[in-house]
C-alpha atoms as a PDB file:
ATOM      1  CA  MET A   1       5.595 -16.727  -0.120  1.00  0.00           C
ATOM      2  CA  ASN A   2       7.798 -17.353  -3.133  1.00  0.00           C
ATOM      3  CA  ASP A   3       9.001 -15.187  -6.020  1.00  0.00           C
ATOM      4  CA  ALA A   4       5.878 -15.972  -8.076  1.00  0.00           C
ATOM      5  CA  PHE A   5       3.693 -14.594  -5.272  1.00  0.00           C
ATOM      6  CA  PHE A   6       5.582 -11.282  -5.292  1.00  0.00           C
ATOM      7  CA  GLU A   7       5.811 -11.177  -9.098  1.00  0.00           C
ATOM      8  CA  HIS A   8       2.013 -11.403  -9.206  1.00  0.00           C
ATOM      9  CA  ILE A   9       1.751  -8.383  -6.910  1.00  0.00           C
ATOM     10  CA  PHE A  10       4.388  -6.412  -8.822  1.00  0.00           C
ATOM     11  CA  ALA A  11       2.514  -7.026 -12.082  1.00  0.00           C
ATOM     12  CA  LEU A  12      -0.216  -4.782 -10.639  1.00  0.00           C
ATOM     13  CA  ASN A  13       0.151  -1.055 -11.267  1.00  0.00           C
ATOM     14  CA  THR A  14      -1.844   1.341  -9.091  1.00  0.00           C
ATOM     15  CA  ILE A  15      -0.733   1.646  -5.467  1.00  0.00           C
ATOM     16  CA  ALA A  16      -2.707   3.587  -2.857  1.00  0.00           C
ATOM     17  CA  VAL A  17      -0.227   4.567  -0.147  1.00  0.00           C
ATOM     18  CA  VAL A  18      -2.007   4.993   3.184  1.00  0.00           C
ATOM     19  CA  GLY A  19       0.010   7.325   5.385  1.00  0.00           C
ATOM     20  CA  LEU A  20       2.170   8.802   2.611  1.00  0.00           C
ATOM     21  CA  SER A  21       4.199  11.680   4.040  1.00  0.00           C
ATOM     22  CA  PRO A  22       5.396  14.694   2.025  1.00  0.00           C
ATOM     23  CA  LYS A  23       8.663  14.659   4.048  1.00  0.00           C
ATOM     24  CA  PRO A  24      11.488  13.192   1.894  1.00  0.00           C
ATOM     25  CA  ASN A  25      13.214  11.550   4.885  1.00  0.00           C
ATOM     26  CA  ARG A  26      10.147   9.468   5.797  1.00  0.00           C
ATOM     27  CA  PRO A  27      10.066   5.858   4.550  1.00  0.00           C
ATOM     28  CA  SER A  28       6.581   6.322   3.088  1.00  0.00           C
ATOM     29  CA  ASN A  29       7.932   9.131   0.922  1.00  0.00           C
ATOM     30  CA  TYR A  30      11.116   7.591  -0.433  1.00  0.00           C
ATOM     31  CA  VAL A  31       9.552   4.141  -0.865  1.00  0.00           C
ATOM     32  CA  SER A  32       6.646   5.659  -2.806  1.00  0.00           C
ATOM     33  CA  LYS A  33       8.997   7.821  -4.862  1.00  0.00           C
ATOM     34  CA  TYR A  34      10.992   4.708  -5.777  1.00  0.00           C
ATOM     35  CA  MET A  35       7.824   2.893  -6.867  1.00  0.00           C
ATOM     36  CA  LEU A  36       6.727   5.953  -8.866  1.00  0.00           C
ATOM     37  CA  GLU A  37      10.130   6.085 -10.579  1.00  0.00           C
ATOM     38  CA  ASN A  38       9.771   2.385 -11.422  1.00  0.00           C
ATOM     39  CA  GLY A  39       6.550   2.819 -13.370  1.00  0.00           C
ATOM     40  CA  TYR A  40       3.860   2.444 -10.720  1.00  0.00           C
ATOM     41  CA  ASN A  41       0.952   4.845 -10.295  1.00  0.00           C
ATOM     42  CA  ILE A  42       0.983   6.194  -6.741  1.00  0.00           C
ATOM     43  CA  VAL A  43      -2.194   7.430  -5.072  1.00  0.00           C
ATOM     44  CA  PRO A  44      -1.458   9.317  -1.837  1.00  0.00           C
ATOM     45  CA  VAL A  45      -3.850   8.734   1.070  1.00  0.00           C
ATOM     46  CA  ASN A  46      -3.302  11.287   3.816  1.00  0.00           C
ATOM     47  CA  PRO A  47      -6.077  13.549   5.139  1.00  0.00           C
ATOM     48  CA  GLY A  48      -3.582  16.283   6.064  1.00  0.00           C
ATOM     49  CA  HIS A  49      -2.517  17.124   2.518  1.00  0.00           C
ATOM     50  CA  ASN A  50      -4.040  18.151  -0.826  1.00  0.00           C
ATOM     51  CA  ASN A  51      -1.266  16.619  -2.927  1.00  0.00           C
ATOM     52  CA  ILE A  52       2.054  14.843  -2.596  1.00  0.00           C
ATOM     53  CA  PHE A  53       4.516  14.552  -5.500  1.00  0.00           C
ATOM     54  CA  GLY A  54       2.071  16.821  -7.361  1.00  0.00           C
ATOM     55  CA  ILE A  55      -0.502  13.998  -7.217  1.00  0.00           C
ATOM     56  CA  PRO A  56      -3.945  14.617  -5.668  1.00  0.00           C
ATOM     57  CA  CYS A  57      -4.136  13.252  -2.145  1.00  0.00           C
ATOM     58  CA  TYR A  58      -7.235  11.524  -0.754  1.00  0.00           C
ATOM     59  CA  SER A  59      -8.298  11.528   2.868  1.00  0.00           C
ATOM     60  CA  SER A  60      -9.324   7.852   2.807  1.00  0.00           C
ATOM     61  CA  LEU A  61      -9.294   4.820   0.550  1.00  0.00           C
ATOM     62  CA  LYS A  62     -13.055   5.068   0.112  1.00  0.00           C
ATOM     63  CA  GLN A  63     -12.760   8.551  -1.397  1.00  0.00           C
ATOM     64  CA  ILE A  64     -10.624   7.367  -4.321  1.00  0.00           C
ATOM     65  CA  PRO A  65     -12.912   7.465  -7.396  1.00  0.00           C
ATOM     66  CA  PHE A  66     -11.067   4.787  -9.406  1.00  0.00           C
ATOM     67  CA  SER A  67      -9.832   1.253  -8.852  1.00  0.00           C
ATOM     68  CA  ILE A  68      -6.773   0.483  -6.770  1.00  0.00           C
ATOM     69  CA  ASP A  69      -4.583  -2.572  -7.257  1.00  0.00           C
ATOM     70  CA  ILE A  70      -2.373  -2.515  -4.153  1.00  0.00           C
ATOM     71  CA  VAL A  71      -3.004  -0.843  -0.811  1.00  0.00           C
ATOM     72  CA  ASN A  72       0.364  -0.125   0.807  1.00  0.00           C
ATOM     73  CA  VAL A  73       0.049   0.747   4.512  1.00  0.00           C
ATOM     74  CA  PHE A  74       2.476   3.017   6.395  1.00  0.00           C
ATOM     75  CA  ARG A  75       0.308   3.566   9.469  1.00  0.00           C
ATOM     76  CA  ASN A  76       0.581   2.330  13.025  1.00  0.00           C
ATOM     77  CA  SER A  77      -0.370  -1.326  13.449  1.00  0.00           C
ATOM     78  CA  LYS A  78      -3.406  -0.351  15.535  1.00  0.00           C
ATOM     79  CA  PHE A  79      -4.973   1.062  12.330  1.00  0.00           C
ATOM     80  CA  ALA A  80      -4.107  -1.911  10.115  1.00  0.00           C
ATOM     81  CA  PHE A  81      -7.332  -3.857  10.550  1.00  0.00           C
ATOM     82  CA  GLU A  82      -9.636  -0.935   9.685  1.00  0.00           C
ATOM     83  CA  THR A  83      -7.414  -0.050   6.720  1.00  0.00           C
ATOM     84  CA  VAL A  84      -7.589  -3.627   5.443  1.00  0.00           C
ATOM     85  CA  ILE A  85     -11.389  -3.583   5.803  1.00  0.00           C
ATOM     86  CA  ASP A  86     -11.460  -0.436   3.647  1.00  0.00           C
ATOM     87  CA  ALA A  87      -9.064  -2.050   1.150  1.00  0.00           C
ATOM     88  CA  ILE A  88     -11.395  -5.031   0.838  1.00  0.00           C
ATOM     89  CA  ASP A  89     -14.419  -2.727   0.486  1.00  0.00           C
ATOM     90  CA  ILE A  90     -12.822  -0.869  -2.452  1.00  0.00           C
ATOM     91  CA  GLY A  91     -11.821  -4.098  -4.195  1.00  0.00           C
ATOM     92  CA  ALA A  92      -8.041  -3.900  -3.779  1.00  0.00           C
ATOM     93  CA  LYS A  93      -6.238  -6.798  -5.434  1.00  0.00           C
ATOM     94  CA  ALA A  94      -3.385  -6.928  -2.877  1.00  0.00           C
ATOM     95  CA  ILE A  95      -2.576  -5.496   0.543  1.00  0.00           C
ATOM     96  CA  TRP A  96       0.917  -4.709   1.774  1.00  0.00           C
ATOM     97  CA  LEU A  97       1.742  -3.730   5.369  1.00  0.00           C
ATOM     98  CA  GLN A  98       5.184  -2.119   5.518  1.00  0.00           C
ATOM     99  CA  ASP A  99       8.016  -2.878   7.927  1.00  0.00           C
ATOM    100  CA  GLY A 100       6.788  -2.792  11.516  1.00  0.00           C
ATOM    101  CA  VAL A 101       3.084  -2.833  10.579  1.00  0.00           C
ATOM    102  CA  GLU A 102       1.503  -6.042  11.822  1.00  0.00           C
ATOM    103  CA  SER A 103      -2.008  -7.341  12.426  1.00  0.00           C
ATOM    104  CA  LYS A 104      -2.958 -11.007  12.599  1.00  0.00           C
ATOM    105  CA  GLN A 105      -6.621  -9.936  12.447  1.00  0.00           C
ATOM    106  CA  ALA A 106      -5.971  -8.036   9.198  1.00  0.00           C
ATOM    107  CA  GLN A 107      -4.054 -11.012   7.832  1.00  0.00           C
ATOM    108  CA  GLU A 108      -6.955 -13.352   8.576  1.00  0.00           C
ATOM    109  CA  ILE A 109      -9.606 -11.171   6.939  1.00  0.00           C
ATOM    110  CA  ALA A 110      -7.427 -10.708   3.844  1.00  0.00           C
ATOM    111  CA  LYS A 111      -6.989 -14.490   3.685  1.00  0.00           C
ATOM    112  CA  ASP A 112     -10.745 -15.019   4.130  1.00  0.00           C
ATOM    113  CA  ASN A 113     -11.282 -12.710   1.135  1.00  0.00           C
ATOM    114  CA  ASN A 114      -8.569 -14.375  -1.000  1.00  0.00           C
ATOM    115  CA  ILE A 115      -6.504 -11.197  -1.239  1.00  0.00           C
ATOM    116  CA  PRO A 116      -2.714 -11.502  -1.442  1.00  0.00           C
ATOM    117  CA  PHE A 117      -1.374 -10.065   1.800  1.00  0.00           C
ATOM    118  CA  VAL A 118       2.120  -9.076   2.913  1.00  0.00           C
ATOM    119  CA  MET A 119       2.889  -8.026   6.470  1.00  0.00           C
ATOM    120  CA  ASP A 120       5.959  -6.448   8.076  1.00  0.00           C
ATOM    121  CA  ASP A 121       7.944  -6.236   4.841  1.00  0.00           C
ATOM    122  CA  CYS A 122       9.137  -3.396   2.605  1.00  0.00           C
ATOM    123  CA  ILE A 123       7.726  -3.156  -0.908  1.00  0.00           C
ATOM    124  CA  LEU A 124      10.846  -1.276  -2.128  1.00  0.00           C
ATOM    125  CA  ARG A 125      13.254  -3.850  -0.723  1.00  0.00           C
ATOM    126  CA  ARG A 126      11.221  -6.753  -2.105  1.00  0.00           C
ATOM    127  CA  HIS A 127      10.901  -5.041  -5.516  1.00  0.00           C
ATOM    128  CA  ARG A 128      14.680  -4.549  -5.701  1.00  0.00           C
ATOM    129  CA  ILE A 129      15.256  -8.228  -4.916  1.00  0.00           C
ATOM    130  CA  LEU A 130      13.068  -9.305  -7.842  1.00  0.00           C
ATOM    131  CA  LYS A 131      14.151  -6.603 -10.269  1.00  0.00           C
END
Protein backbone atom coordinates (compact mmCIF):
# COMPACT_ATOMS: atom_id res chain seq x y z
CA MET A 1 0.00 0.00 0.00
CA ASN A 2 1.46 3.32 -1.09
CA ASP A 3 0.52 6.95 -0.47
CA ALA A 4 -1.88 6.97 -3.44
CA PHE A 5 -3.81 4.07 -1.89
CA PHE A 6 -4.30 6.00 1.36
CA GLU A 7 -4.97 9.30 -0.44
CA HIS A 8 -7.82 7.57 -2.28
CA ILE A 9 -9.34 6.50 1.04
CA PHE A 10 -8.84 9.92 2.63
CA ALA A 11 -10.62 11.57 -0.31
CA LEU A 12 -13.77 9.82 0.94
CA ASN A 13 -15.82 11.69 3.54
CA THR A 14 -18.34 9.73 5.60
CA ILE A 15 -16.90 7.33 8.18
CA ALA A 16 -19.05 4.87 10.13
CA VAL A 17 -17.13 4.07 13.32
CA VAL A 18 -18.08 0.62 14.60
CA GLY A 19 -17.43 0.46 18.33
CA LEU A 20 -17.20 4.22 18.91
CA SER A 21 -17.02 4.88 22.65
CA PRO A 22 -18.28 8.05 24.35
CA LYS A 23 -15.30 7.87 26.76
CA PRO A 24 -12.68 10.49 25.75
CA ASN A 25 -9.74 8.29 26.82
CA ARG A 26 -10.71 5.46 24.44
CA PRO A 27 -8.90 5.32 21.08
CA SER A 28 -12.19 5.07 19.19
CA ASN A 29 -13.25 8.38 20.72
CA TYR A 30 -10.14 10.48 20.23
CA VAL A 31 -9.41 9.03 16.78
CA SER A 32 -12.97 9.78 15.67
CA LYS A 33 -12.84 13.25 17.21
CA TYR A 34 -9.64 13.95 15.27
CA MET A 35 -11.26 12.82 12.01
CA LEU A 36 -14.34 14.94 12.78
CA GLU A 37 -12.12 17.97 13.44
CA ASN A 38 -10.39 17.34 10.10
CA GLY A 39 -13.56 17.61 8.04
CA TYR A 40 -14.88 14.05 8.00
CA ASN A 41 -18.48 13.12 8.76
CA ILE A 42 -18.52 10.61 11.62
CA VAL A 43 -21.38 8.15 12.05
CA PRO A 44 -21.25 6.40 15.44
CA VAL A 45 -22.17 2.71 15.50
CA ASN A 46 -22.68 1.49 19.05
CA PRO A 47 -25.91 -0.17 20.24
CA GLY A 48 -25.38 1.07 23.80
CA HIS A 49 -25.79 4.77 23.04
CA ASN A 50 -28.27 7.17 21.43
CA ASN A 51 -25.64 9.70 20.38
CA ILE A 52 -21.94 10.40 20.64
CA PHE A 53 -20.45 13.85 19.97
CA GLY A 54 -24.08 14.98 19.65
CA ILE A 55 -24.39 12.79 16.53
CA PRO A 56 -27.12 10.11 16.33
CA CYS A 57 -25.73 6.67 17.06
CA TYR A 58 -26.83 3.54 15.19
CA SER A 59 -26.91 0.05 16.62
CA SER A 60 -25.55 -1.53 13.42
CA LEU A 61 -24.20 -0.60 10.01
CA LYS A 62 -27.37 -1.89 8.37
CA GLN A 63 -29.51 0.59 10.30
CA ILE A 64 -27.76 3.63 8.81
CA PRO A 65 -30.24 5.16 6.32
CA PHE A 66 -27.63 6.83 4.07
CA SER A 67 -24.46 5.82 2.26
CA ILE A 68 -21.19 5.26 4.07
CA ASP A 69 -17.78 5.71 2.48
CA ILE A 70 -15.45 4.17 5.07
CA VAL A 71 -16.24 1.63 7.78
CA ASN A 72 -13.70 2.07 10.58
CA VAL A 73 -13.69 -0.88 13.01
CA PHE A 74 -12.75 -0.61 16.71
CA ARG A 75 -14.13 -3.98 17.78
CA ASN A 76 -12.45 -7.20 18.83
CA SER A 77 -10.94 -9.14 15.93
CA LYS A 78 -13.45 -11.96 16.44
CA PHE A 79 -16.17 -9.58 15.16
CA ALA A 80 -14.20 -8.28 12.18
CA PHE A 81 -15.47 -10.74 9.59
CA GLU A 82 -19.17 -10.16 10.33
CA THR A 83 -18.58 -6.40 10.39
CA VAL A 84 -16.87 -6.55 7.00
CA ILE A 85 -19.78 -8.58 5.61
CA ASP A 86 -22.14 -5.83 6.80
CA ALA A 87 -19.84 -3.17 5.32
CA ILE A 88 -19.96 -4.92 1.96
CA ASP A 89 -23.75 -5.29 2.20
CA ILE A 90 -24.21 -1.53 2.73
CA GLY A 91 -21.89 -0.65 -0.14
CA ALA A 92 -18.97 0.81 1.83
CA LYS A 93 -16.19 2.10 -0.41
CA ALA A 94 -13.36 1.25 2.03
CA ILE A 95 -12.87 -0.76 5.21
CA TRP A 96 -10.36 0.07 7.91
CA LEU A 97 -9.55 -2.22 10.85
CA GLN A 98 -7.79 -0.25 13.59
CA ASP A 99 -4.63 -1.19 15.48
CA GLY A 100 -4.90 -4.70 16.88
CA VAL A 101 -7.95 -5.64 14.79
CA GLU A 102 -7.03 -8.42 12.38
CA SER A 103 -8.87 -10.94 10.24
CA LYS A 104 -7.41 -12.68 7.20
CA GLN A 105 -10.93 -13.90 6.36
CA ALA A 106 -12.22 -10.31 6.37
CA GLN A 107 -9.25 -9.23 4.26
CA GLU A 108 -9.97 -11.93 1.68
CA ILE A 109 -13.67 -11.10 1.32
CA ALA A 110 -12.89 -7.38 0.99
CA LYS A 111 -10.34 -8.24 -1.71
CA ASP A 112 -12.86 -10.51 -3.47
CA ASN A 113 -15.27 -7.54 -3.54
CA ASN A 114 -12.61 -5.05 -4.73
CA ILE A 115 -12.93 -2.89 -1.62
CA PRO A 116 -9.84 -1.08 -0.34
CA PHE A 117 -8.97 -2.70 2.98
CA VAL A 118 -6.60 -1.70 5.77
CA MET A 119 -5.89 -3.97 8.72
CA ASP A 120 -4.09 -3.39 12.03
CA ASP A 121 -3.34 0.28 11.36
CA CYS A 122 -4.56 3.58 12.81
CA ILE A 123 -6.53 5.92 10.57
CA LEU A 124 -5.46 8.96 12.66
CA ARG A 125 -1.77 8.09 12.50
CA ARG A 126 -1.92 7.39 8.76
CA HIS A 127 -3.89 10.61 8.13
CA ARG A 128 -1.28 12.66 10.01
CA ILE A 129 1.51 11.11 7.93
CA LEU A 130 -0.16 12.19 4.68
CA LYS A 131 -1.42 15.56 5.89
